[in-house]
């Protein structure tokens, strides 16, 4: 016996079938994914453009700083230290450029040439605060600061800065080691002075200063022996 067809109610007509429901979900997910992709792509593009813009900005700042630095250096070499100080101050405005740290070093040298040791020391201390990379410029900052302190009879401070300069792998390790030896001697630490001078001869045999150092060593050995005898 044939079954009678199922009666379709008005309510069933208004109800979405499985295909429509599933299609709607897929369309919704696709739309959502597309929206997320567009947003993600836009964010990535914004970041890339930002990085490119920052890099272009830094390159432009560095070019402008180089021009200002060359002008300031020309004044310094002519002995026009007051004008050079102002010119180096302009270079320091380009804080993202390495020329700004070099400007601090030459400001210190300008102050020293003008016999203003206090401002020279302050400029070098600012350089060391800003230049954290253990390289040539930081080593030169420590070495210059130590030299100024040594000339001002502040060998206790100078000895520590010579030691810091000597730790850095750079072109002035030999000068820093000699400075450390001199200040150790001035501070009455003859054993440290002797050790530093001997290390210099070991590390730099045949250097221009080796004969001078060789003559210093027996003098220090005598002082150490005399001190031991007095005990």
N, C-alpha and C. Protein backbone atom coordinates (compact mmCIF):
# COMPACT_ATOMS: atom_id res chain seq x y z
N UNK A 1 0.84 -1.19 0.00
CA UNK A 1 0.00 0.00 0.00
C UNK A 1 0.86 1.22 0.00
N UNK A 2 0.60 2.10 -0.95
CA UNK A 2 1.45 3.32 -1.05
C UNK A 2 1.15 4.24 0.09
N UNK A 3 2.26 4.74 0.62
CA UNK A 3 2.12 5.68 1.75
C UNK A 3 1.73 7.03 1.23
N UNK A 4 0.92 7.69 1.99
CA UNK A 4 0.50 9.03 1.59
C UNK A 4 1.61 10.02 1.78
N UNK A 5 1.74 10.96 0.83
CA UNK A 5 2.84 11.94 0.96
C UNK A 5 2.69 12.76 2.21
N UNK A 6 3.90 13.07 2.79
CA UNK A 6 3.94 13.85 4.04
C UNK A 6 3.46 15.26 3.77
N UNK A 7 2.57 15.69 4.58
CA UNK A 7 2.02 17.04 4.41
C UNK A 7 3.02 18.08 4.86
N UNK A 8 3.29 19.05 3.97
CA UNK A 8 4.23 20.13 4.28
C UNK A 8 3.49 21.29 4.88
N UNK A 9 3.88 21.64 6.07
CA UNK A 9 3.22 22.73 6.76
C UNK A 9 3.86 24.07 6.40
N UNK A 10 3.09 25.16 6.56
CA UNK A 10 3.60 26.51 6.29
C UNK A 10 4.84 26.82 7.14
N UNK A 11 4.85 26.30 8.39
CA UNK A 11 5.97 26.52 9.31
C UNK A 11 7.24 25.89 8.78
N UNK A 12 7.10 24.69 8.11
CA UNK A 12 8.27 23.99 7.56
C UNK A 12 8.83 24.73 6.36
N UNK A 13 7.97 25.39 5.61
CA UNK A 13 8.46 26.15 4.45
C UNK A 13 9.34 27.30 4.91
N UNK A 14 8.90 27.96 5.99
CA UNK A 14 9.68 29.11 6.49
C UNK A 14 10.98 28.68 7.15
N UNK A 15 11.12 27.42 7.56
CA UNK A 15 12.31 26.93 8.27
C UNK A 15 13.42 26.65 7.26
N UNK A 16 14.66 27.14 7.44
CA UNK A 16 15.73 26.90 6.47
C UNK A 16 16.15 25.44 6.47
N UNK A 17 16.40 24.91 5.24
CA UNK A 17 16.83 23.53 5.18
C UNK A 17 18.31 23.40 5.51
N UNK A 18 18.80 22.14 5.58
CA UNK A 18 20.19 21.87 6.01
C UNK A 18 21.20 22.52 5.08
N UNK A 19 20.89 22.45 3.76
CA UNK A 19 21.81 23.02 2.78
C UNK A 19 21.98 24.53 2.98
N UNK A 20 20.87 25.21 3.16
CA UNK A 20 20.89 26.66 3.34
C UNK A 20 21.66 27.02 4.62
N UNK A 21 21.38 26.25 5.70
CA UNK A 21 22.03 26.51 6.98
C UNK A 21 23.53 26.32 6.87
N UNK A 22 23.95 25.21 6.25
CA UNK A 22 25.37 24.91 6.11
C UNK A 22 26.06 25.93 5.22
N UNK A 23 25.41 26.30 4.12
CA UNK A 23 25.97 27.29 3.22
C UNK A 23 26.16 28.63 3.92
N UNK A 24 25.18 28.98 4.74
CA UNK A 24 25.27 30.23 5.49
C UNK A 24 26.45 30.24 6.44
N UNK A 25 26.66 29.09 7.11
CA UNK A 25 27.80 29.00 8.04
C UNK A 25 29.12 29.13 7.30
N UNK A 26 29.24 28.44 6.16
CA UNK A 26 30.47 28.52 5.37
C UNK A 26 30.73 29.95 4.90
N UNK A 27 29.64 30.59 4.41
CA UNK A 27 29.78 31.97 3.94
C UNK A 27 30.21 32.88 5.09
N UNK A 28 29.63 32.65 6.28
CA UNK A 28 29.97 33.46 7.44
C UNK A 28 31.44 33.27 7.83
N UNK A 29 31.89 31.99 7.86
CA UNK A 29 33.29 31.72 8.21
C UNK A 29 34.25 32.31 7.19
N UNK A 30 33.88 32.17 5.90
CA UNK A 30 34.73 32.72 4.85
C UNK A 30 34.83 34.23 4.96
N UNK A 31 33.69 34.86 5.24
CA UNK A 31 33.69 36.32 5.39
C UNK A 31 34.54 36.75 6.58
N UNK A 32 34.38 35.97 7.68
CA UNK A 32 35.14 36.29 8.89
C UNK A 32 36.63 36.13 8.65
N UNK A 33 37.03 35.01 7.98
CA UNK A 33 38.44 34.76 7.68
C UNK A 33 39.00 35.83 6.76
N UNK A 34 38.18 36.20 5.77
CA UNK A 34 38.63 37.22 4.83
C UNK A 34 38.86 38.54 5.54
N UNK A 35 37.93 38.87 6.45
CA UNK A 35 38.07 40.11 7.22
C UNK A 35 39.33 40.08 8.06
N UNK A 36 39.57 38.94 8.74
CA UNK A 36 40.78 38.80 9.56
C UNK A 36 42.04 38.90 8.71
N UNK A 37 41.99 38.29 7.50
CA UNK A 37 43.15 38.32 6.62
C UNK A 37 43.44 39.75 6.17
N UNK A 38 42.37 40.46 5.82
CA UNK A 38 42.55 41.84 5.37
C UNK A 38 43.13 42.70 6.49
N UNK A 39 42.57 42.50 7.71
CA UNK A 39 43.06 43.27 8.87
C UNK A 39 44.51 42.91 9.16
N UNK A 40 44.81 41.59 9.16
CA UNK A 40 46.19 41.16 9.43
C UNK A 40 47.16 41.69 8.40
N UNK A 41 46.72 41.62 7.11
CA UNK A 41 47.58 42.15 6.04
C UNK A 41 47.81 43.64 6.17
N UNK A 42 46.75 44.34 6.56
CA UNK A 42 46.88 45.79 6.73
C UNK A 42 47.83 46.13 7.87
N UNK A 43 47.72 45.35 8.96
CA UNK A 43 48.63 45.57 10.10
C UNK A 43 50.07 45.30 9.71
N UNK A 44 50.30 44.19 8.98
CA UNK A 44 51.65 43.86 8.54
C UNK A 44 52.20 44.95 7.63
N UNK A 45 51.37 45.42 6.72
CA UNK A 45 51.80 46.49 5.81
C UNK A 45 52.14 47.75 6.59
N UNK A 46 51.33 48.05 7.61
CA UNK A 46 51.59 49.24 8.43
C UNK A 46 52.93 49.12 9.14
N UNK A 47 53.20 47.93 9.70
CA UNK A 47 54.48 47.70 10.39
C UNK A 47 55.65 47.85 9.43
N UNK A 48 55.52 47.22 8.24
CA UNK A 48 56.62 47.29 7.25
C UNK A 48 56.86 48.72 6.80
N UNK A 49 55.78 49.45 6.55
CA UNK A 49 55.92 50.85 6.16
C UNK A 49 56.55 51.68 7.28
N UNK A 50 56.16 51.35 8.52
CA UNK A 50 56.73 52.06 9.67
C UNK A 50 58.22 51.82 9.79
N UNK A 51 58.62 50.54 9.62
CA UNK A 51 60.06 50.22 9.69
C UNK A 51 60.83 50.88 8.57
N UNK A 52 60.26 50.85 7.38
CA UNK A 52 60.92 51.49 6.23
C UNK A 52 61.04 52.99 6.46
N UNK A 53 59.97 53.59 6.99
CA UNK A 53 59.99 55.03 7.25
C UNK A 53 61.00 55.39 8.32
N UNK A 54 61.09 54.57 9.36
CA UNK A 54 62.05 54.84 10.43
C UNK A 54 63.47 54.70 9.90
N UNK A 55 63.71 53.67 9.07
CA UNK A 55 65.05 53.47 8.51
C UNK A 55 65.43 54.65 7.61
N UNK A 56 64.49 55.10 6.80
CA UNK A 56 64.75 56.24 5.92
C UNK A 56 65.01 57.50 6.74
N UNK A 57 64.24 57.65 7.82
CA UNK A 57 64.44 58.81 8.72
C UNK A 57 65.84 58.78 9.34
N UNK A 58 66.25 57.60 9.82
CA UNK A 58 67.57 57.48 10.45
C UNK A 58 68.69 57.75 9.46
N UNK A 59 68.53 57.26 8.23
CA UNK A 59 69.55 57.50 7.21
C UNK A 59 69.67 58.99 6.91
N UNK A 60 68.53 59.66 6.83
CA UNK A 60 68.56 61.10 6.57
C UNK A 60 69.19 61.84 7.74
N UNK A 61 68.84 61.46 8.97
CA UNK A 61 69.43 62.08 10.16
C UNK A 61 70.94 61.89 10.18
N UNK A 62 71.38 60.71 9.79
CA UNK A 62 72.81 60.41 9.79
C UNK A 62 73.56 61.25 8.76
N UNK A 63 72.95 61.45 7.60
CA UNK A 63 73.58 62.27 6.55
C UNK A 63 73.69 63.72 7.02
N UNK A 64 72.62 64.24 7.63
CA UNK A 64 72.65 65.62 8.12
C UNK A 64 73.68 65.77 9.25
N UNK A 65 73.74 64.76 10.12
CA UNK A 65 74.71 64.79 11.23
C UNK A 65 76.14 64.78 10.71
N UNK A 66 76.39 64.03 9.64
CA UNK A 66 77.74 63.95 9.08
C UNK A 66 78.19 65.31 8.55
N UNK A 67 77.27 66.03 7.94
CA UNK A 67 77.60 67.37 7.41
C UNK A 67 77.93 68.32 8.56
N UNK A 68 77.09 68.30 9.59
CA UNK A 68 77.31 69.16 10.77
C UNK A 68 78.62 68.79 11.47
N UNK A 69 78.88 67.50 11.55
CA UNK A 69 80.09 67.02 12.23
C UNK A 69 81.35 67.48 11.50
N UNK A 70 81.34 67.38 10.18
CA UNK A 70 82.50 67.81 9.39
C UNK A 70 82.78 69.30 9.61
N UNK A 71 81.72 70.10 9.68
CA UNK A 71 81.87 71.54 9.93
C UNK A 71 82.46 71.78 11.32
N UNK A 72 81.93 71.09 12.33
CA UNK A 72 82.41 71.26 13.71
C UNK A 72 83.87 70.81 13.84
N UNK A 73 84.21 69.71 13.19
CA UNK A 73 85.57 69.19 13.26
C UNK A 73 86.57 70.15 12.62
N UNK A 74 86.14 70.80 11.54
CA UNK A 74 86.99 71.80 10.88
C UNK A 74 87.30 72.97 11.82
N UNK A 75 86.29 73.41 12.57
CA UNK A 75 86.50 74.49 13.55
C UNK A 75 87.43 74.05 14.67
N UNK A 76 87.26 72.81 15.11
CA UNK A 76 88.11 72.27 16.19
C UNK A 76 89.57 72.23 15.74
N UNK A 77 89.81 71.76 14.53
CA UNK A 77 91.19 71.64 14.03
C UNK A 77 91.84 73.00 13.81
N UNK A 78 91.02 74.03 13.61
CA UNK A 78 91.55 75.39 13.47
C UNK A 78 91.80 76.05 14.82
N UNK A 79 91.45 75.34 15.89
CA UNK A 79 91.64 75.90 17.22
C UNK A 79 90.55 76.86 17.65
N UNK A 80 89.44 76.90 16.91
CA UNK A 80 88.32 77.78 17.25
C UNK A 80 87.36 77.00 18.17
N UNK A 81 87.80 76.79 19.40
CA UNK A 81 87.13 75.86 20.29
C UNK A 81 85.74 76.32 20.72
N UNK A 82 85.56 77.60 20.95
CA UNK A 82 84.24 78.09 21.36
C UNK A 82 83.21 77.84 20.25
N UNK A 83 83.58 78.17 19.02
CA UNK A 83 82.68 77.92 17.89
C UNK A 83 82.48 76.42 17.67
N UNK A 84 83.55 75.67 17.89
CA UNK A 84 83.46 74.22 17.71
C UNK A 84 82.48 73.61 18.72
N UNK A 85 82.50 74.11 19.95
CA UNK A 85 81.57 73.61 20.97
C UNK A 85 80.12 73.80 20.54
N UNK A 86 79.82 74.98 20.01
CA UNK A 86 78.46 75.25 19.53
C UNK A 86 78.09 74.34 18.36
N UNK A 87 79.06 74.14 17.47
CA UNK A 87 78.80 73.31 16.30
C UNK A 87 78.60 71.84 16.70
N UNK A 88 79.41 71.36 17.65
CA UNK A 88 79.23 69.98 18.12
C UNK A 88 77.91 69.82 18.86
N UNK A 89 77.46 70.88 19.52
CA UNK A 89 76.16 70.84 20.19
C UNK A 89 75.03 70.62 19.17
N UNK A 90 75.17 71.18 17.98
CA UNK A 90 74.19 70.96 16.91
C UNK A 90 74.20 69.50 16.46
N UNK A 91 75.39 68.91 16.40
CA UNK A 91 75.50 67.50 16.00
C UNK A 91 74.79 66.60 17.01
N UNK A 92 74.87 66.97 18.27
CA UNK A 92 74.26 66.16 19.33
C UNK A 92 72.74 66.10 19.22
N UNK A 93 72.15 67.04 18.49
CA UNK A 93 70.70 67.02 18.29
C UNK A 93 70.25 65.80 17.49
N UNK A 94 71.17 65.22 16.71
CA UNK A 94 70.85 64.03 15.92
C UNK A 94 71.15 62.80 16.79
N UNK A 95 70.34 62.60 17.80
CA UNK A 95 70.63 61.61 18.84
C UNK A 95 70.70 60.17 18.32
N UNK A 96 70.02 59.87 17.21
CA UNK A 96 70.05 58.50 16.69
C UNK A 96 71.30 58.21 15.86
N UNK A 97 72.12 59.22 15.62
CA UNK A 97 73.32 59.06 14.80
C UNK A 97 74.55 58.84 15.69
N UNK A 98 75.47 57.97 15.27
CA UNK A 98 76.71 57.79 16.04
C UNK A 98 77.55 59.06 16.11
N UNK A 99 77.33 59.99 15.17
CA UNK A 99 78.07 61.25 15.21
C UNK A 99 77.76 62.05 16.48
N UNK A 100 76.59 61.82 17.07
CA UNK A 100 76.24 62.55 18.28
C UNK A 100 77.15 62.17 19.43
N UNK A 101 77.57 60.87 19.47
CA UNK A 101 78.50 60.43 20.52
C UNK A 101 79.91 60.93 20.24
N UNK A 102 80.30 60.93 18.99
CA UNK A 102 81.62 61.50 18.63
C UNK A 102 81.69 62.98 18.99
N UNK A 103 80.57 63.66 18.83
CA UNK A 103 80.52 65.09 19.17
C UNK A 103 80.82 65.31 20.64
N UNK A 104 80.33 64.42 21.50
CA UNK A 104 80.61 64.52 22.94
C UNK A 104 82.11 64.38 23.21
N UNK A 105 82.76 63.47 22.51
CA UNK A 105 84.20 63.27 22.69
C UNK A 105 84.97 64.54 22.32
N UNK A 106 84.60 65.15 21.19
CA UNK A 106 85.30 66.37 20.76
C UNK A 106 84.90 67.58 21.59
N UNK A 107 83.72 67.57 22.15
CA UNK A 107 83.38 68.64 23.09
C UNK A 107 84.29 68.55 24.32
N UNK A 108 84.53 67.34 24.79
CA UNK A 108 85.43 67.14 25.93
C UNK A 108 86.83 67.64 25.61
N UNK A 109 87.31 67.29 24.41
CA UNK A 109 88.65 67.75 24.00
C UNK A 109 88.71 69.27 23.87
N UNK A 110 87.62 69.86 23.40
CA UNK A 110 87.56 71.32 23.27
C UNK A 110 87.60 71.98 24.65
N UNK A 111 86.83 71.45 25.58
CA UNK A 111 86.84 72.00 26.95
C UNK A 111 88.23 71.86 27.57
N UNK A 112 88.87 70.73 27.32
CA UNK A 112 90.21 70.52 27.89
C UNK A 112 91.20 71.52 27.30
N UNK A 113 91.08 71.78 25.98
CA UNK A 113 91.96 72.76 25.34
C UNK A 113 91.74 74.16 25.91
N UNK A 114 90.50 74.39 26.38
CA UNK A 114 90.17 75.68 26.98
C UNK A 114 90.41 75.68 28.51
N UNK A 115 91.05 74.60 28.98
CA UNK A 115 91.42 74.43 30.39
C UNK A 115 90.20 74.41 31.32
N UNK A 116 89.11 73.84 30.83
CA UNK A 116 87.92 73.65 31.66
C UNK A 116 87.74 72.15 31.88
N UNK A 117 88.54 71.62 32.81
CA UNK A 117 88.56 70.17 33.03
C UNK A 117 87.22 69.64 33.53
N UNK A 118 86.54 70.41 34.36
CA UNK A 118 85.26 69.94 34.93
C UNK A 118 84.25 69.65 33.83
N UNK A 119 84.12 70.57 32.86
CA UNK A 119 83.16 70.36 31.77
C UNK A 119 83.64 69.25 30.83
N UNK A 120 84.95 69.12 30.69
CA UNK A 120 85.49 68.04 29.86
C UNK A 120 85.13 66.68 30.46
N UNK A 121 85.30 66.56 31.77
CA UNK A 121 84.97 65.31 32.46
C UNK A 121 83.47 65.03 32.35
N UNK A 122 82.63 66.06 32.52
CA UNK A 122 81.18 65.88 32.43
C UNK A 122 80.77 65.38 31.04
N UNK A 123 81.40 65.92 29.99
CA UNK A 123 81.09 65.49 28.62
C UNK A 123 81.47 64.03 28.40
N UNK A 124 82.61 63.62 28.95
CA UNK A 124 83.06 62.24 28.79
C UNK A 124 82.17 61.28 29.58
N UNK A 125 81.75 61.69 30.75
CA UNK A 125 80.84 60.85 31.52
C UNK A 125 79.49 60.68 30.81
N UNK A 126 79.03 61.73 30.16
CA UNK A 126 77.80 61.64 29.37
C UNK A 126 77.99 60.70 28.18
N UNK A 127 79.16 60.76 27.55
CA UNK A 127 79.48 59.86 26.45
C UNK A 127 79.41 58.40 26.91
N UNK A 128 80.01 58.12 28.06
CA UNK A 128 80.03 56.74 28.57
C UNK A 128 78.63 56.27 28.98
N UNK A 129 77.78 57.18 29.41
CA UNK A 129 76.39 56.81 29.73
C UNK A 129 75.61 56.44 28.46
N UNK A 130 75.91 57.13 27.38
CA UNK A 130 75.17 56.93 26.14
C UNK A 130 75.74 55.82 25.27
N UNK A 131 77.05 55.67 25.29
CA UNK A 131 77.71 54.66 24.44
C UNK A 131 77.92 53.38 25.25
N UNK A 132 76.99 52.43 25.10
CA UNK A 132 77.03 51.19 25.88
C UNK A 132 77.78 50.07 25.15
N UNK A 133 77.97 50.22 23.86
CA UNK A 133 78.63 49.18 23.08
C UNK A 133 80.12 49.12 23.44
N UNK A 134 80.58 47.92 23.75
CA UNK A 134 81.99 47.74 24.14
C UNK A 134 82.87 47.79 22.89
N UNK A 135 83.16 48.97 22.41
CA UNK A 135 83.97 49.12 21.21
C UNK A 135 84.92 50.28 21.31
N UNK A 136 85.38 50.69 20.14
CA UNK A 136 86.41 51.72 20.03
C UNK A 136 86.04 53.01 20.77
N UNK A 137 84.81 53.49 20.56
CA UNK A 137 84.43 54.79 21.12
C UNK A 137 84.33 54.75 22.64
N UNK A 138 83.79 53.68 23.18
CA UNK A 138 83.70 53.56 24.64
C UNK A 138 85.10 53.43 25.25
N UNK A 139 85.96 52.67 24.59
CA UNK A 139 87.34 52.55 25.08
C UNK A 139 88.04 53.91 25.09
N UNK A 140 87.85 54.66 24.02
CA UNK A 140 88.48 55.99 23.92
C UNK A 140 87.89 56.94 24.96
N UNK A 141 86.60 56.78 25.27
CA UNK A 141 85.98 57.59 26.30
C UNK A 141 86.61 57.34 27.66
N UNK A 142 86.77 56.06 28.02
CA UNK A 142 87.41 55.72 29.29
C UNK A 142 88.86 56.21 29.33
N UNK A 143 89.57 56.02 28.21
CA UNK A 143 90.98 56.40 28.17
C UNK A 143 91.15 57.91 28.31
N UNK A 144 90.34 58.68 27.61
CA UNK A 144 90.42 60.14 27.68
C UNK A 144 90.06 60.64 29.06
N UNK A 145 89.01 60.07 29.65
CA UNK A 145 88.60 60.45 31.00
C UNK A 145 89.71 60.15 32.00
N UNK A 146 90.31 58.97 31.89
CA UNK A 146 91.40 58.59 32.80
C UNK A 146 92.59 59.52 32.65
N UNK A 147 92.90 59.89 31.41
CA UNK A 147 94.02 60.80 31.16
C UNK A 147 93.79 62.16 31.81
N UNK A 148 92.57 62.68 31.68
CA UNK A 148 92.24 63.96 32.32
C UNK A 148 92.35 63.86 33.84
N UNK A 149 91.87 62.77 34.39
CA UNK A 149 91.93 62.59 35.85
C UNK A 149 93.38 62.45 36.33
N UNK A 150 94.18 61.74 35.56
CA UNK A 150 95.60 61.58 35.92
C UNK A 150 96.32 62.93 35.93
N UNK A 151 96.03 63.75 34.93
CA UNK A 151 96.66 65.07 34.86
C UNK A 151 96.18 65.99 35.98
N UNK A 152 95.02 65.68 36.54
CA UNK A 152 94.49 66.48 37.65
C UNK A 152 94.84 65.87 39.01
N UNK A 153 95.84 64.95 39.02
CA UNK A 153 96.28 64.27 40.25
C UNK A 153 95.15 63.49 40.92
N UNK A 154 94.32 62.87 40.10
CA UNK A 154 93.23 62.04 40.63
C UNK A 154 93.44 60.60 40.15
N UNK A 155 94.60 60.05 40.52
CA UNK A 155 94.99 58.75 39.99
C UNK A 155 94.15 57.59 40.53
N UNK A 156 93.52 57.76 41.68
CA UNK A 156 92.66 56.69 42.18
C UNK A 156 91.48 56.48 41.24
N UNK A 157 90.89 57.56 40.79
CA UNK A 157 89.78 57.45 39.82
C UNK A 157 90.31 57.04 38.45
N UNK A 158 91.44 57.64 38.07
CA UNK A 158 92.01 57.37 36.74
C UNK A 158 92.38 55.90 36.58
N UNK A 159 92.94 55.31 37.65
CA UNK A 159 93.35 53.91 37.57
C UNK A 159 92.19 52.99 37.23
N UNK A 160 91.02 53.25 37.82
CA UNK A 160 89.85 52.43 37.53
C UNK A 160 89.38 52.59 36.09
N UNK A 161 89.46 53.81 35.56
CA UNK A 161 89.03 54.04 34.17
C UNK A 161 90.05 53.50 33.16
N UNK A 162 91.33 53.56 33.51
CA UNK A 162 92.33 52.91 32.65
C UNK A 162 92.07 51.40 32.60
N UNK A 163 91.72 50.84 33.75
CA UNK A 163 91.44 49.40 33.81
C UNK A 163 90.23 49.04 32.95
N UNK A 164 89.19 49.89 32.99
CA UNK A 164 88.00 49.65 32.16
C UNK A 164 88.35 49.72 30.67
N UNK A 165 89.18 50.69 30.31
CA UNK A 165 89.60 50.83 28.90
C UNK A 165 90.42 49.63 28.46
N UNK A 166 91.23 49.11 29.37
CA UNK A 166 92.11 47.99 29.03
C UNK A 166 91.33 46.69 28.81
N UNK A 167 90.14 46.59 29.43
CA UNK A 167 89.31 45.38 29.27
C UNK A 167 88.68 45.29 27.89
N UNK A 168 88.51 46.42 27.22
CA UNK A 168 87.81 46.45 25.94
C UNK A 168 88.76 46.10 24.80
N UNK A 169 88.32 45.22 23.93
CA UNK A 169 89.13 44.83 22.77
C UNK A 169 89.11 45.95 21.74
N UNK A 170 90.10 46.81 21.79
CA UNK A 170 90.18 47.95 20.88
C UNK A 170 91.62 48.33 20.64
N UNK A 171 91.85 49.40 19.89
CA UNK A 171 93.21 49.77 19.49
C UNK A 171 94.05 50.46 20.58
N UNK A 172 93.44 50.70 21.76
CA UNK A 172 94.16 51.45 22.80
C UNK A 172 94.42 50.64 24.06
N UNK A 173 94.41 49.32 23.94
CA UNK A 173 94.67 48.48 25.11
C UNK A 173 96.06 48.74 25.68
N UNK A 174 97.04 48.95 24.80
CA UNK A 174 98.42 49.17 25.27
C UNK A 174 98.53 50.46 26.08
N UNK A 175 97.91 51.54 25.57
CA UNK A 175 97.94 52.82 26.29
C UNK A 175 97.20 52.72 27.62
N UNK A 176 96.11 51.99 27.62
CA UNK A 176 95.34 51.82 28.86
C UNK A 176 96.15 51.03 29.89
N UNK A 177 96.86 50.01 29.45
CA UNK A 177 97.68 49.20 30.36
C UNK A 177 98.81 50.03 30.97
N UNK A 178 99.44 50.86 30.16
CA UNK A 178 100.50 51.75 30.68
C UNK A 178 99.92 52.75 31.67
N UNK A 179 98.76 53.30 31.36
CA UNK A 179 98.12 54.24 32.27
C UNK A 179 97.78 53.58 33.60
N UNK A 180 97.28 52.35 33.53
CA UNK A 180 96.96 51.62 34.76
C UNK A 180 98.23 51.39 35.59
N UNK A 181 99.34 51.07 34.92
CA UNK A 181 100.61 50.86 35.62
C UNK A 181 101.09 52.15 36.29
N UNK A 182 101.00 53.26 35.57
CA UNK A 182 101.45 54.54 36.13
C UNK A 182 100.64 54.92 37.37
N UNK A 183 99.32 54.77 37.26
CA UNK A 183 98.46 55.17 38.38
C UNK A 183 98.60 54.21 39.56
N UNK A 184 98.83 52.94 39.29
CA UNK A 184 99.09 52.01 40.38
C UNK A 184 100.34 52.43 41.14
N UNK A 185 101.36 52.85 40.40
CA UNK A 185 102.61 53.32 41.04
C UNK A 185 102.34 54.57 41.87
N UNK A 186 101.60 55.52 41.29
CA UNK A 186 101.29 56.76 42.00
C UNK A 186 100.44 56.51 43.25
N UNK A 187 99.62 55.49 43.20
CA UNK A 187 98.76 55.15 44.33
C UNK A 187 99.49 54.31 45.38
N UNK A 188 100.76 54.00 45.11
CA UNK A 188 101.55 53.22 46.06
C UNK A 188 101.35 51.72 45.97
N UNK A 189 100.64 51.27 44.93
CA UNK A 189 100.42 49.83 44.73
C UNK A 189 101.51 49.33 43.77
N UNK A 190 102.71 49.13 44.31
CA UNK A 190 103.86 48.81 43.48
C UNK A 190 103.76 47.42 42.84
N UNK A 191 103.15 46.49 43.55
CA UNK A 191 103.00 45.14 42.99
C UNK A 191 102.08 45.15 41.77
N UNK A 192 101.01 45.91 41.84
CA UNK A 192 100.10 46.02 40.69
C UNK A 192 100.79 46.74 39.53
N UNK A 193 101.56 47.78 39.86
CA UNK A 193 102.30 48.51 38.82
C UNK A 193 103.30 47.58 38.13
N UNK A 194 104.03 46.79 38.94
CA UNK A 194 105.01 45.86 38.38
C UNK A 194 104.32 44.82 37.49
N UNK A 195 103.18 44.30 37.96
CA UNK A 195 102.44 43.31 37.18
C UNK A 195 101.98 43.89 35.84
N UNK A 196 101.51 45.13 35.86
CA UNK A 196 101.03 45.76 34.62
C UNK A 196 102.16 46.02 33.64
N UNK A 197 103.31 46.47 34.15
CA UNK A 197 104.45 46.73 33.25
C UNK A 197 104.97 45.42 32.65
N UNK A 198 105.02 44.37 33.47
CA UNK A 198 105.47 43.07 32.94
C UNK A 198 104.49 42.55 31.89
N UNK A 199 103.21 42.74 32.15
CA UNK A 199 102.20 42.32 31.18
C UNK A 199 102.35 43.07 29.88
N UNK A 200 102.70 44.36 29.98
CA UNK A 200 102.89 45.17 28.77
C UNK A 200 104.03 44.59 27.92
N UNK A 201 105.15 44.24 28.57
CA UNK A 201 106.29 43.68 27.82
C UNK A 201 105.93 42.34 27.19
N UNK A 202 105.10 41.58 27.88
CA UNK A 202 104.66 40.28 27.33
C UNK A 202 103.74 40.47 26.13
N UNK A 203 102.80 41.40 26.27
CA UNK A 203 101.80 41.60 25.21
C UNK A 203 102.32 42.39 24.02
N UNK A 204 103.27 43.31 24.29
CA UNK A 204 103.75 44.21 23.22
C UNK A 204 105.28 44.24 23.17
N UNK A 205 105.89 43.10 22.91
CA UNK A 205 107.37 43.07 22.84
C UNK A 205 107.85 43.85 21.63
N UNK A 206 108.92 44.60 21.81
CA UNK A 206 109.48 45.35 20.68
C UNK A 206 108.72 46.62 20.34
N UNK A 207 107.78 47.04 21.19
CA UNK A 207 107.04 48.28 20.92
C UNK A 207 107.92 49.50 21.20
N UNK A 208 107.45 50.66 20.80
CA UNK A 208 108.22 51.89 20.99
C UNK A 208 108.48 52.19 22.47
N UNK A 209 107.56 51.75 23.33
CA UNK A 209 107.67 52.05 24.76
C UNK A 209 108.34 50.94 25.55
N UNK A 210 108.71 49.85 24.90
CA UNK A 210 109.24 48.69 25.64
C UNK A 210 110.54 49.00 26.37
N UNK A 211 111.43 49.81 25.78
CA UNK A 211 112.68 50.16 26.46
C UNK A 211 112.41 50.97 27.71
N UNK A 212 111.51 51.92 27.59
CA UNK A 212 111.12 52.76 28.74
C UNK A 212 110.56 51.90 29.87
N UNK A 213 109.70 50.95 29.51
CA UNK A 213 109.08 50.06 30.50
C UNK A 213 110.14 49.16 31.14
N UNK A 214 111.07 48.68 30.33
CA UNK A 214 112.13 47.81 30.85
C UNK A 214 112.97 48.51 31.91
N UNK A 215 113.15 49.82 31.75
CA UNK A 215 113.90 50.59 32.74
C UNK A 215 113.09 50.84 34.02
N UNK A 216 111.78 50.89 33.88
CA UNK A 216 110.93 51.14 35.04
C UNK A 216 110.84 49.92 35.96
N UNK A 217 110.89 48.75 35.39
CA UNK A 217 110.68 47.53 36.17
C UNK A 217 111.71 47.36 37.30
N UNK A 218 113.03 47.50 37.05
CA UNK A 218 113.99 47.35 38.16
C UNK A 218 113.76 48.37 39.27
N UNK A 219 113.37 49.58 38.91
CA UNK A 219 113.09 50.62 39.90
C UNK A 219 111.95 50.19 40.83
N UNK A 220 110.90 49.62 40.25
CA UNK A 220 109.76 49.19 41.06
C UNK A 220 110.14 47.97 41.90
N UNK A 221 110.93 47.07 41.33
CA UNK A 221 111.37 45.89 42.08
C UNK A 221 112.17 46.30 43.31
N UNK A 222 113.00 47.33 43.17
CA UNK A 222 113.78 47.84 44.32
C UNK A 222 112.85 48.38 45.40
N UNK A 223 111.81 49.10 45.00
CA UNK A 223 110.87 49.65 45.97
C UNK A 223 110.14 48.54 46.72
N UNK A 224 109.76 47.50 46.00
CA UNK A 224 109.06 46.38 46.64
C UNK A 224 110.01 45.68 47.62
N UNK A 225 111.26 45.47 47.19
CA UNK A 225 112.25 44.83 48.06
C UNK A 225 112.52 45.65 49.30
N UNK A 226 112.63 46.98 49.10
CA UNK A 226 112.87 47.89 50.24
C UNK A 226 111.69 47.84 51.22
N UNK A 227 110.51 47.77 50.70
CA UNK A 227 109.32 47.70 51.55
C UNK A 227 109.26 46.40 52.33
N UNK A 228 109.66 45.30 51.68
CA UNK A 228 109.68 44.00 52.36
C UNK A 228 110.76 43.97 53.44
N UNK A 229 111.93 44.66 53.15
CA UNK A 229 113.02 44.72 54.13
C UNK A 229 112.65 45.50 55.35
N UNK A 230 111.86 46.56 55.15
CA UNK A 230 111.45 47.40 56.27
C UNK A 230 110.54 46.65 57.23
N UNK A 231 109.82 45.65 56.70
CA UNK A 231 108.92 44.88 57.55
C UNK A 231 109.72 43.93 58.44
